[in-house]
N, C-alpha and C. Protein backbone atom coordinates (compact mmCIF):
# COMPACT_ATOMS: atom_id res chain seq x y z
N UNK A 1 4.40 30.88 1.75
CA UNK A 1 4.61 29.44 2.01
C UNK A 1 4.16 28.72 0.70
N UNK A 2 5.03 27.90 0.11
CA UNK A 2 4.79 27.18 -1.09
C UNK A 2 3.62 26.15 -0.91
N UNK A 3 2.88 25.92 -2.01
CA UNK A 3 1.80 24.94 -1.96
C UNK A 3 2.44 23.57 -2.05
N UNK A 4 1.94 22.68 -1.24
CA UNK A 4 2.40 21.32 -1.38
C UNK A 4 1.25 20.46 -1.98
N UNK A 5 1.51 19.86 -3.14
CA UNK A 5 0.53 19.10 -3.79
C UNK A 5 0.31 17.76 -3.12
N UNK A 6 -0.91 17.21 -3.21
CA UNK A 6 -1.25 15.98 -2.66
C UNK A 6 -0.29 14.89 -3.14
N UNK A 7 0.05 14.85 -4.39
CA UNK A 7 0.89 13.77 -4.95
C UNK A 7 2.26 13.84 -4.29
N UNK A 8 2.78 15.04 -4.04
CA UNK A 8 4.05 15.18 -3.34
C UNK A 8 4.00 14.63 -1.90
N UNK A 9 2.83 14.95 -1.23
CA UNK A 9 2.62 14.43 0.12
C UNK A 9 2.57 12.94 0.17
N UNK A 10 1.95 12.31 -0.84
CA UNK A 10 1.86 10.93 -0.86
C UNK A 10 3.21 10.26 -1.11
N UNK A 11 3.99 10.87 -1.99
CA UNK A 11 5.36 10.30 -2.24
C UNK A 11 6.26 10.49 -0.97
N UNK A 12 6.08 11.60 -0.37
CA UNK A 12 6.94 11.84 0.89
C UNK A 12 6.57 10.81 2.03
N UNK A 13 5.24 10.54 2.14
CA UNK A 13 4.82 9.58 3.11
C UNK A 13 5.43 8.17 2.81
N UNK A 14 5.38 7.79 1.54
CA UNK A 14 5.99 6.50 1.14
C UNK A 14 7.48 6.48 1.34
N UNK A 15 8.19 7.53 1.04
CA UNK A 15 9.64 7.61 1.31
C UNK A 15 9.90 7.50 2.76
N UNK A 16 9.13 8.21 3.60
CA UNK A 16 9.33 8.09 5.08
C UNK A 16 9.08 6.64 5.51
N UNK A 17 8.09 6.00 4.99
CA UNK A 17 7.84 4.59 5.35
C UNK A 17 9.02 3.69 5.01
N UNK A 18 9.61 3.85 3.80
CA UNK A 18 10.78 3.07 3.42
C UNK A 18 11.92 3.35 4.34
N UNK A 19 12.11 4.56 4.78
CA UNK A 19 13.18 4.98 5.68
C UNK A 19 12.94 4.27 7.05
N UNK A 20 11.67 4.27 7.53
CA UNK A 20 11.36 3.80 8.84
C UNK A 20 11.36 2.19 8.82
N UNK A 21 11.10 1.57 7.78
CA UNK A 21 11.03 0.08 7.60
C UNK A 21 11.89 -0.37 6.44
N UNK A 22 13.22 -0.50 6.59
CA UNK A 22 14.04 -0.81 5.46
C UNK A 22 13.76 -2.19 4.80
N UNK A 23 12.99 -3.00 5.40
CA UNK A 23 12.67 -4.25 4.81
C UNK A 23 11.60 -4.26 3.73
N UNK A 24 11.04 -3.03 3.47
CA UNK A 24 10.05 -2.88 2.45
C UNK A 24 10.76 -2.70 1.10
N UNK A 25 10.44 -3.56 0.17
CA UNK A 25 11.09 -3.54 -1.16
C UNK A 25 10.39 -2.50 -2.08
N UNK A 26 9.08 -2.34 -1.91
CA UNK A 26 8.37 -1.40 -2.78
C UNK A 26 6.99 -1.21 -2.20
N UNK A 27 6.37 -0.05 -2.45
CA UNK A 27 5.05 0.23 -1.97
C UNK A 27 4.25 0.95 -3.10
N UNK A 28 2.95 0.69 -3.09
CA UNK A 28 2.07 1.28 -4.12
C UNK A 28 0.74 1.72 -3.45
N UNK A 29 0.31 2.95 -3.74
CA UNK A 29 -1.05 3.32 -3.43
C UNK A 29 -1.79 3.26 -4.70
N UNK A 30 -2.98 2.59 -4.62
CA UNK A 30 -3.75 2.36 -5.85
C UNK A 30 -5.23 2.57 -5.51
N UNK A 31 -5.99 2.72 -6.58
CA UNK A 31 -7.50 2.70 -6.44
C UNK A 31 -7.99 1.29 -6.34
N UNK A 32 -9.19 1.09 -6.02
CA UNK A 32 -9.72 -0.26 -5.99
C UNK A 32 -9.83 -0.87 -7.38
N UNK A 33 -9.67 -0.05 -8.41
CA UNK A 33 -9.64 -0.60 -9.73
C UNK A 33 -8.29 -1.00 -10.22
N UNK A 34 -7.27 -0.75 -9.36
CA UNK A 34 -5.86 -1.12 -9.67
C UNK A 34 -5.09 -0.07 -10.34
N UNK A 35 -5.60 1.23 -10.43
CA UNK A 35 -4.92 2.29 -11.00
C UNK A 35 -3.90 2.83 -9.99
N UNK A 36 -2.69 3.06 -10.41
CA UNK A 36 -1.60 3.55 -9.51
C UNK A 36 -1.85 5.06 -9.21
N UNK A 37 -1.81 5.35 -7.91
CA UNK A 37 -1.84 6.77 -7.43
C UNK A 37 -0.44 7.19 -7.19
N UNK A 38 0.34 6.41 -6.49
CA UNK A 38 1.79 6.75 -6.15
C UNK A 38 2.57 5.44 -5.86
N UNK A 39 3.77 5.50 -6.14
CA UNK A 39 4.66 4.34 -5.86
C UNK A 39 5.98 4.84 -5.26
N UNK A 40 6.63 3.97 -4.57
CA UNK A 40 7.96 4.19 -4.08
C UNK A 40 8.71 2.82 -4.05
N UNK A 41 9.93 2.75 -4.57
CA UNK A 41 10.78 3.81 -4.97
C UNK A 41 10.41 4.41 -6.33
N UNK A 42 10.88 5.63 -6.66
CA UNK A 42 10.57 6.19 -7.91
C UNK A 42 10.87 5.32 -9.06
N UNK A 43 10.08 5.21 -10.09
CA UNK A 43 10.35 4.41 -11.26
C UNK A 43 9.97 2.96 -11.09
N UNK A 44 9.44 2.56 -9.90
CA UNK A 44 9.17 1.18 -9.64
C UNK A 44 7.98 0.71 -10.48
N UNK A 45 7.23 1.65 -10.98
CA UNK A 45 6.05 1.30 -11.90
C UNK A 45 6.38 1.46 -13.35
N UNK A 46 7.63 1.71 -13.76
CA UNK A 46 8.00 1.97 -15.13
C UNK A 46 7.99 0.78 -16.05
N UNK A 47 8.29 -0.41 -15.51
CA UNK A 47 8.29 -1.70 -16.34
C UNK A 47 7.06 -2.53 -16.12
N UNK A 48 6.11 -2.38 -17.01
CA UNK A 48 4.80 -3.18 -16.87
C UNK A 48 5.07 -4.65 -16.90
N UNK A 49 6.15 -5.09 -17.46
CA UNK A 49 6.47 -6.53 -17.56
C UNK A 49 6.98 -7.10 -16.30
N UNK A 50 7.50 -6.26 -15.39
CA UNK A 50 8.08 -6.68 -14.08
C UNK A 50 6.95 -7.16 -13.21
N UNK A 51 6.97 -8.46 -12.87
CA UNK A 51 5.82 -9.02 -12.02
C UNK A 51 5.90 -8.42 -10.58
N UNK A 52 7.03 -7.90 -10.17
CA UNK A 52 7.13 -7.31 -8.85
C UNK A 52 7.15 -5.75 -8.88
N UNK A 53 6.81 -5.18 -10.03
CA UNK A 53 6.80 -3.75 -10.19
C UNK A 53 5.53 -3.11 -9.65
N UNK A 54 5.50 -1.80 -9.47
CA UNK A 54 4.38 -1.09 -8.90
C UNK A 54 3.08 -1.28 -9.62
N UNK A 55 3.06 -1.32 -11.00
CA UNK A 55 1.83 -1.50 -11.73
C UNK A 55 1.19 -2.85 -11.36
N UNK A 56 1.96 -3.90 -11.41
CA UNK A 56 1.43 -5.25 -11.10
C UNK A 56 1.02 -5.40 -9.65
N UNK A 57 1.81 -4.81 -8.75
CA UNK A 57 1.51 -4.87 -7.32
C UNK A 57 0.15 -4.17 -7.07
N UNK A 58 -0.06 -2.98 -7.73
CA UNK A 58 -1.31 -2.22 -7.57
C UNK A 58 -2.47 -3.04 -8.09
N UNK A 59 -2.32 -3.66 -9.28
CA UNK A 59 -3.38 -4.48 -9.80
C UNK A 59 -3.75 -5.61 -8.96
N UNK A 60 -2.75 -6.35 -8.49
CA UNK A 60 -2.99 -7.53 -7.63
C UNK A 60 -3.60 -7.13 -6.31
N UNK A 61 -3.12 -6.03 -5.74
CA UNK A 61 -3.58 -5.53 -4.51
C UNK A 61 -5.12 -5.17 -4.58
N UNK A 62 -5.50 -4.63 -5.67
CA UNK A 62 -6.89 -4.26 -5.91
C UNK A 62 -7.77 -5.52 -5.90
N UNK A 63 -7.31 -6.55 -6.57
CA UNK A 63 -8.09 -7.86 -6.57
C UNK A 63 -8.09 -8.46 -5.28
N UNK A 64 -6.98 -8.53 -4.55
CA UNK A 64 -6.93 -9.18 -3.22
C UNK A 64 -7.78 -8.40 -2.26
N UNK A 65 -7.71 -7.09 -2.22
CA UNK A 65 -8.45 -6.24 -1.26
C UNK A 65 -9.92 -6.40 -1.54
N UNK A 66 -10.40 -6.41 -2.81
CA UNK A 66 -11.80 -6.60 -3.13
C UNK A 66 -12.32 -7.91 -2.65
N UNK A 67 -11.59 -8.97 -2.89
CA UNK A 67 -12.00 -10.24 -2.45
C UNK A 67 -12.07 -10.32 -0.90
N UNK A 68 -11.06 -9.80 -0.27
CA UNK A 68 -10.96 -9.83 1.17
C UNK A 68 -12.17 -9.04 1.81
N UNK A 69 -12.48 -7.92 1.22
CA UNK A 69 -13.57 -7.12 1.72
C UNK A 69 -14.92 -7.84 1.59
N UNK A 70 -15.14 -8.48 0.46
CA UNK A 70 -16.36 -9.29 0.28
C UNK A 70 -16.40 -10.44 1.24
N UNK A 71 -15.30 -11.08 1.45
CA UNK A 71 -15.18 -12.22 2.40
C UNK A 71 -15.58 -11.77 3.80
N UNK A 72 -14.98 -10.66 4.24
CA UNK A 72 -15.22 -10.12 5.61
C UNK A 72 -16.77 -9.80 5.80
N UNK A 73 -17.36 -9.23 4.83
CA UNK A 73 -18.83 -8.88 4.84
C UNK A 73 -19.61 -10.17 4.91
N UNK A 74 -19.29 -11.13 4.02
CA UNK A 74 -20.05 -12.37 3.92
C UNK A 74 -19.97 -13.19 5.27
N UNK A 75 -18.79 -13.10 5.89
CA UNK A 75 -18.59 -13.83 7.14
C UNK A 75 -18.88 -12.98 8.41
N UNK A 76 -19.46 -11.82 8.19
CA UNK A 76 -19.84 -10.90 9.23
C UNK A 76 -18.63 -10.69 10.21
N UNK A 77 -17.47 -10.27 9.67
CA UNK A 77 -16.27 -10.07 10.52
C UNK A 77 -15.95 -8.58 10.59
N UNK A 78 -16.79 -7.73 10.10
CA UNK A 78 -16.53 -6.27 10.19
C UNK A 78 -15.73 -5.72 9.08
N UNK A 79 -15.20 -4.54 9.25
CA UNK A 79 -14.40 -3.88 8.27
C UNK A 79 -13.07 -4.52 8.07
N UNK A 80 -12.56 -4.56 6.89
CA UNK A 80 -11.23 -5.12 6.53
C UNK A 80 -10.18 -4.15 7.06
N UNK A 81 -9.24 -4.68 7.88
CA UNK A 81 -8.08 -3.90 8.45
C UNK A 81 -6.82 -4.06 7.62
N UNK A 82 -6.56 -5.32 7.19
CA UNK A 82 -5.42 -5.57 6.30
C UNK A 82 -5.48 -6.98 5.75
N UNK A 83 -4.79 -7.18 4.68
CA UNK A 83 -4.61 -8.54 4.16
C UNK A 83 -3.11 -8.79 4.18
N UNK A 84 -2.79 -9.95 4.64
CA UNK A 84 -1.35 -10.33 4.81
C UNK A 84 -1.14 -11.66 4.18
N UNK A 85 -0.19 -11.73 3.13
CA UNK A 85 0.08 -12.99 2.50
C UNK A 85 1.57 -13.25 2.59
N UNK A 86 1.94 -14.41 3.15
CA UNK A 86 3.37 -14.71 3.36
C UNK A 86 3.76 -15.88 2.37
N UNK A 87 4.89 -15.67 1.72
CA UNK A 87 5.37 -16.60 0.75
C UNK A 87 6.80 -16.94 1.15
N UNK A 88 7.36 -17.87 0.44
CA UNK A 88 8.73 -18.34 0.72
C UNK A 88 9.80 -17.23 0.49
N UNK A 89 9.51 -16.20 -0.34
CA UNK A 89 10.47 -15.17 -0.66
C UNK A 89 10.16 -13.82 0.06
N UNK A 90 8.91 -13.70 0.56
CA UNK A 90 8.56 -12.45 1.22
C UNK A 90 7.11 -12.37 1.53
N UNK A 91 6.74 -11.18 1.87
CA UNK A 91 5.32 -10.97 2.30
C UNK A 91 4.68 -9.82 1.50
N UNK A 92 3.42 -9.95 1.23
CA UNK A 92 2.66 -8.90 0.62
C UNK A 92 1.59 -8.45 1.61
N UNK A 93 1.55 -7.18 1.89
CA UNK A 93 0.49 -6.70 2.81
C UNK A 93 -0.27 -5.59 2.04
N UNK A 94 -1.64 -5.63 2.29
CA UNK A 94 -2.52 -4.60 1.70
C UNK A 94 -3.34 -3.97 2.84
N UNK A 95 -3.29 -2.66 2.89
CA UNK A 95 -4.05 -1.94 3.90
C UNK A 95 -4.96 -0.95 3.25
N UNK A 96 -6.29 -1.09 3.48
CA UNK A 96 -7.21 -0.11 2.99
C UNK A 96 -6.87 1.22 3.46
N UNK A 97 -6.98 2.32 2.67
CA UNK A 97 -6.73 3.71 3.08
C UNK A 97 -8.07 4.42 3.15
N UNK A 98 -8.78 4.43 2.00
CA UNK A 98 -10.15 5.02 1.96
C UNK A 98 -11.10 3.96 1.39
N UNK A 99 -12.31 4.28 1.20
CA UNK A 99 -13.26 3.36 0.64
C UNK A 99 -12.85 2.92 -0.75
N UNK A 100 -12.03 3.75 -1.46
CA UNK A 100 -11.68 3.37 -2.83
C UNK A 100 -10.15 3.39 -3.10
N UNK A 101 -9.37 3.19 -2.06
CA UNK A 101 -7.90 3.11 -2.26
C UNK A 101 -7.27 2.25 -1.20
N UNK A 102 -6.08 1.73 -1.53
CA UNK A 102 -5.35 0.87 -0.66
C UNK A 102 -3.82 1.06 -0.78
N UNK A 103 -3.09 0.72 0.20
CA UNK A 103 -1.64 0.75 0.22
C UNK A 103 -1.19 -0.71 0.21
N UNK A 104 -0.37 -1.04 -0.80
CA UNK A 104 0.23 -2.42 -0.91
C UNK A 104 1.68 -2.33 -0.72
N UNK A 105 2.30 -3.25 0.04
CA UNK A 105 3.77 -3.24 0.22
C UNK A 105 4.27 -4.62 0.01
N UNK A 106 5.48 -4.68 -0.60
CA UNK A 106 6.26 -5.94 -0.73
C UNK A 106 7.30 -5.90 0.34
N UNK A 107 7.35 -6.92 1.17
CA UNK A 107 8.28 -6.99 2.39
C UNK A 107 9.24 -8.13 2.20
N UNK A 108 10.51 -7.87 2.43
CA UNK A 108 11.51 -8.82 2.44
C UNK A 108 11.31 -9.89 3.40
N UNK A 109 11.68 -11.13 3.11
CA UNK A 109 11.49 -12.25 4.04
C UNK A 109 12.29 -12.01 5.31
N UNK A 110 13.39 -11.36 5.32
CA UNK A 110 14.24 -11.18 6.46
C UNK A 110 13.81 -9.98 7.35
N UNK A 111 12.87 -9.20 6.88
CA UNK A 111 12.38 -8.02 7.65
C UNK A 111 11.68 -8.42 8.94
N UNK A 112 11.78 -7.48 9.90
CA UNK A 112 11.03 -7.73 11.18
C UNK A 112 9.58 -7.40 10.91
N UNK A 113 8.78 -8.42 10.72
CA UNK A 113 7.41 -8.22 10.25
C UNK A 113 6.58 -7.38 11.19
N UNK A 114 6.59 -7.57 12.40
CA UNK A 114 5.74 -6.84 13.33
C UNK A 114 6.04 -5.32 13.28
N UNK A 115 7.31 -4.99 13.36
CA UNK A 115 7.70 -3.59 13.30
C UNK A 115 7.34 -2.98 11.95
N UNK A 116 7.55 -3.73 10.90
CA UNK A 116 7.24 -3.29 9.56
C UNK A 116 5.74 -3.02 9.38
N UNK A 117 4.93 -3.94 9.81
CA UNK A 117 3.52 -3.80 9.69
C UNK A 117 3.02 -2.62 10.57
N UNK A 118 3.64 -2.41 11.66
CA UNK A 118 3.25 -1.21 12.52
C UNK A 118 3.55 0.07 11.78
N UNK A 119 4.70 0.15 11.07
CA UNK A 119 5.06 1.34 10.30
C UNK A 119 4.06 1.51 9.12
N UNK A 120 3.68 0.48 8.48
CA UNK A 120 2.75 0.49 7.35
C UNK A 120 1.41 0.98 7.80
N UNK A 121 0.96 0.48 8.96
CA UNK A 121 -0.37 0.97 9.54
C UNK A 121 -0.35 2.42 9.77
N UNK A 122 0.73 2.91 10.42
CA UNK A 122 0.87 4.35 10.74
C UNK A 122 0.83 5.10 9.40
N UNK A 123 1.58 4.64 8.37
CA UNK A 123 1.58 5.34 7.13
C UNK A 123 0.25 5.36 6.52
N UNK A 124 -0.50 4.24 6.50
CA UNK A 124 -1.83 4.12 5.95
C UNK A 124 -2.75 5.11 6.61
N UNK A 125 -2.62 5.33 7.88
CA UNK A 125 -3.47 6.27 8.61
C UNK A 125 -3.11 7.76 8.15
N UNK A 126 -1.81 7.99 7.97
CA UNK A 126 -1.40 9.34 7.44
C UNK A 126 -1.93 9.55 6.03
N UNK A 127 -1.81 8.54 5.19
CA UNK A 127 -2.35 8.60 3.81
C UNK A 127 -3.80 8.84 3.73
N UNK A 128 -4.52 8.28 4.70
CA UNK A 128 -6.00 8.49 4.74
C UNK A 128 -6.25 10.01 4.89
N UNK A 129 -5.47 10.64 5.81
CA UNK A 129 -5.70 12.04 5.98
C UNK A 129 -5.36 12.93 4.77
N UNK A 130 -4.33 12.47 4.03
CA UNK A 130 -3.91 13.23 2.81
C UNK A 130 -5.02 13.01 1.76
N UNK A 131 -5.49 11.81 1.55
CA UNK A 131 -6.46 11.53 0.49
C UNK A 131 -7.84 12.09 0.79
N UNK A 132 -8.14 12.31 2.11
CA UNK A 132 -9.42 12.89 2.45
C UNK A 132 -9.42 14.42 2.56
N UNK A 133 -8.28 15.05 2.36
CA UNK A 133 -8.24 16.51 2.41
C UNK A 133 -9.10 17.09 1.34
N UNK A 134 -9.77 18.17 1.77
CA UNK A 134 -10.62 18.90 0.78
C UNK A 134 -9.70 19.97 0.16
N UNK A 135 -9.87 20.14 -1.09
CA UNK A 135 -9.07 21.17 -1.85
C UNK A 135 -9.97 22.22 -2.31
């Protein structure tokens, strides 16, 4: 049986998410420092100048998640479950995966938000299992 690398598992999970929720424009798994672990679609992180590219989404998601986590602690509201920001052109959602990583997604304005967020939550839970695997 061939070995499946963790990076392949992460990309496969993101591809499955995009198939399950076609309203997702792009997704990025990043560290809390904003370093990209995986992105989908492939090449989405290749243009550092693209404000909606994977690199910038990962960096912004790290900032947003960090601020949200500190806010939740300060206001005694428990663990952060997700950050959701809606704008006139679409939605950005950030879901913590592990203590040092998060999944960020850009969602089209016309997407069915509830179903999309449900698919993202399921994927974030799967990604948690992948990132916590012992090698």
